[in-house]
């Protein structure tokens, strides 16, 4: 299945604004905009969180969490490489002392 490029934040805000204007329901508006109903609902829910109307992680917090998770993954990989290198050099040092 091809990966769909993400929609801009502005597009999402405008879509939710249209939804909240009350002229159309989620199914109709989603079809008109060419997005899934689930996406439109999740954008609306996320905007509520960002505006402080609902509990949850704000968009900024979500981005920071993604960045930190990537950083942790890189650091864990680097640590594994260093552990293997230390073990290799410890073996080499043992061989040269014999």
C-alpha atoms as a PDB file:
ATOM      1  CA  UNK A   1       0.000   0.000   0.000  1.00  0.00           C
ATOM      2  CA  UNK A   2       1.570   3.355  -0.984  1.00  0.00           C
ATOM      3  CA  UNK A   3       2.311   5.780   1.807  1.00  0.00           C
ATOM      4  CA  UNK A   4       0.209   8.950   1.649  1.00  0.00           C
ATOM      5  CA  UNK A   5       2.085  12.169   2.387  1.00  0.00           C
ATOM      6  CA  UNK A   6       0.886  13.864   5.581  1.00  0.00           C
ATOM      7  CA  UNK A   7      -1.561  16.725   5.354  1.00  0.00           C
ATOM      8  CA  UNK A   8      -0.359  20.161   6.429  1.00  0.00           C
ATOM      9  CA  UNK A   9      -1.350  21.493   9.831  1.00  0.00           C
ATOM     10  CA  UNK A  10      -3.179  24.319   8.098  1.00  0.00           C
ATOM     11  CA  UNK A  11      -5.241  21.856   6.035  1.00  0.00           C
ATOM     12  CA  UNK A  12      -6.144  19.933   9.182  1.00  0.00           C
ATOM     13  CA  UNK A  13      -7.168  23.096  11.057  1.00  0.00           C
ATOM     14  CA  UNK A  14      -9.316  24.274   8.156  1.00  0.00           C
ATOM     15  CA  UNK A  15     -10.951  20.851   7.841  1.00  0.00           C
ATOM     16  CA  UNK A  16     -11.833  20.857  11.543  1.00  0.00           C
ATOM     17  CA  UNK A  17     -13.089  24.443  11.252  1.00  0.00           C
ATOM     18  CA  UNK A  18     -15.415  23.348   8.439  1.00  0.00           C
ATOM     19  CA  UNK A  19     -16.546  20.358  10.505  1.00  0.00           C
ATOM     20  CA  UNK A  20     -17.307  22.519  13.522  1.00  0.00           C
ATOM     21  CA  UNK A  21     -19.261  25.042  11.456  1.00  0.00           C
ATOM     22  CA  UNK A  22     -22.009  22.424  11.538  1.00  0.00           C
ATOM     23  CA  UNK A  23     -22.912  22.608   7.846  1.00  0.00           C
ATOM     24  CA  UNK A  24     -21.868  19.024   7.123  1.00  0.00           C
ATOM     25  CA  UNK A  25     -21.336  15.831   9.053  1.00  0.00           C
ATOM     26  CA  UNK A  26     -18.106  13.878   9.269  1.00  0.00           C
ATOM     27  CA  UNK A  27     -18.934  11.399   6.471  1.00  0.00           C
ATOM     28  CA  UNK A  28     -19.948  14.073   3.970  1.00  0.00           C
ATOM     29  CA  UNK A  29     -17.075  16.453   4.724  1.00  0.00           C
ATOM     30  CA  UNK A  30     -14.491  13.653   4.728  1.00  0.00           C
ATOM     31  CA  UNK A  31     -15.694  12.552   1.304  1.00  0.00           C
ATOM     32  CA  UNK A  32     -15.584  16.128  -0.026  1.00  0.00           C
ATOM     33  CA  UNK A  33     -12.049  16.657   1.269  1.00  0.00           C
ATOM     34  CA  UNK A  34     -10.811  13.230   0.183  1.00  0.00           C
ATOM     35  CA  UNK A  35      -9.751  12.131   3.652  1.00  0.00           C
ATOM     36  CA  UNK A  36     -10.909   9.278   5.845  1.00  0.00           C
ATOM     37  CA  UNK A  37     -13.585   9.825   8.455  1.00  0.00           C
ATOM     38  CA  UNK A  38     -11.195   8.553  11.108  1.00  0.00           C
ATOM     39  CA  UNK A  39      -8.567  11.131  10.162  1.00  0.00           C
ATOM     40  CA  UNK A  40     -11.074  13.959  10.358  1.00  0.00           C
ATOM     41  CA  UNK A  41     -12.278  12.771  13.763  1.00  0.00           C
ATOM     42  CA  UNK A  42      -8.729  12.400  15.109  1.00  0.00           C
ATOM     43  CA  UNK A  43      -7.765  15.881  13.844  1.00  0.00           C
ATOM     44  CA  UNK A  44     -10.776  17.303  15.661  1.00  0.00           C
ATOM     45  CA  UNK A  45      -9.896  15.455  18.866  1.00  0.00           C
ATOM     46  CA  UNK A  46      -6.246  16.565  18.644  1.00  0.00           C
ATOM     47  CA  UNK A  47      -7.295  20.182  18.163  1.00  0.00           C
ATOM     48  CA  UNK A  48      -9.395  19.902  21.328  1.00  0.00           C
ATOM     49  CA  UNK A  49      -6.287  18.728  23.193  1.00  0.00           C
ATOM     50  CA  UNK A  50      -4.125  21.474  21.671  1.00  0.00           C
ATOM     51  CA  UNK A  51      -6.716  24.091  22.702  1.00  0.00           C
ATOM     52  CA  UNK A  52      -6.854  22.713  26.257  1.00  0.00           C
ATOM     53  CA  UNK A  53     -10.435  21.500  25.904  1.00  0.00           C
ATOM     54  CA  UNK A  54      -9.489  17.834  26.390  1.00  0.00           C
ATOM     55  CA  UNK A  55      -6.860  15.770  28.201  1.00  0.00           C
ATOM     56  CA  UNK A  56      -3.930  14.275  26.327  1.00  0.00           C
ATOM     57  CA  UNK A  57      -0.618  15.075  24.676  1.00  0.00           C
ATOM     58  CA  UNK A  58      -0.518  18.277  22.652  1.00  0.00           C
ATOM     59  CA  UNK A  59       0.892  18.226  19.133  1.00  0.00           C
ATOM     60  CA  UNK A  60       4.127  19.777  20.395  1.00  0.00           C
ATOM     61  CA  UNK A  61       4.457  17.160  23.098  1.00  0.00           C
ATOM     62  CA  UNK A  62       3.829  14.394  20.552  1.00  0.00           C
ATOM     63  CA  UNK A  63       6.584  15.748  18.311  1.00  0.00           C
ATOM     64  CA  UNK A  64       8.987  15.971  21.234  1.00  0.00           C
ATOM     65  CA  UNK A  65       8.130  12.401  22.250  1.00  0.00           C
ATOM     66  CA  UNK A  66       8.846  11.144  18.708  1.00  0.00           C
ATOM     67  CA  UNK A  67      12.168  13.006  18.656  1.00  0.00           C
ATOM     68  CA  UNK A  68      13.190  11.650  22.047  1.00  0.00           C
ATOM     69  CA  UNK A  69      12.260   8.087  21.090  1.00  0.00           C
ATOM     70  CA  UNK A  70      14.424   8.337  17.959  1.00  0.00           C
ATOM     71  CA  UNK A  71      17.269   9.736  20.051  1.00  0.00           C
ATOM     72  CA  UNK A  72      16.968   6.912  22.602  1.00  0.00           C
ATOM     73  CA  UNK A  73      17.054   4.350  19.783  1.00  0.00           C
ATOM     74  CA  UNK A  74      20.241   5.865  18.327  1.00  0.00           C
ATOM     75  CA  UNK A  75      21.880   6.023  21.756  1.00  0.00           C
ATOM     76  CA  UNK A  76      20.999   2.391  22.480  1.00  0.00           C
ATOM     77  CA  UNK A  77      22.503   1.321  19.133  1.00  0.00           C
ATOM     78  CA  UNK A  78      25.662   3.330  19.837  1.00  0.00           C
ATOM     79  CA  UNK A  79      25.938   1.781  23.307  1.00  0.00           C
ATOM     80  CA  UNK A  80      25.718  -1.727  21.831  1.00  0.00           C
ATOM     81  CA  UNK A  81      28.461  -0.909  19.331  1.00  0.00           C
ATOM     82  CA  UNK A  82      30.676   0.447  22.111  1.00  0.00           C
ATOM     83  CA  UNK A  83      30.086  -2.642  24.264  1.00  0.00           C
ATOM     84  CA  UNK A  84      31.119  -4.901  21.380  1.00  0.00           C
ATOM     85  CA  UNK A  85      34.164  -2.754  20.639  1.00  0.00           C
ATOM     86  CA  UNK A  86      35.223  -2.817  24.303  1.00  0.00           C
ATOM     87  CA  UNK A  87      34.890  -6.613  24.400  1.00  0.00           C
ATOM     88  CA  UNK A  88      36.893  -6.942  21.166  1.00  0.00           C
ATOM     89  CA  UNK A  89      39.714  -4.727  22.424  1.00  0.00           C
ATOM     90  CA  UNK A  90      39.749  -6.522  25.782  1.00  0.00           C
ATOM     91  CA  UNK A  91      40.307  -9.817  23.934  1.00  0.00           C
ATOM     92  CA  UNK A  92      43.053  -8.266  21.834  1.00  0.00           C
ATOM     93  CA  UNK A  93      44.784  -6.925  24.939  1.00  0.00           C
ATOM     94  CA  UNK A  94      44.633 -10.399  26.531  1.00  0.00           C
ATOM     95  CA  UNK A  95      46.231 -11.973  23.457  1.00  0.00           C
ATOM     96  CA  UNK A  96      49.098  -9.514  23.363  1.00  0.00           C
ATOM     97  CA  UNK A  97      49.888 -10.067  27.065  1.00  0.00           C
ATOM     98  CA  UNK A  98      50.297 -13.834  26.638  1.00  0.00           C
END
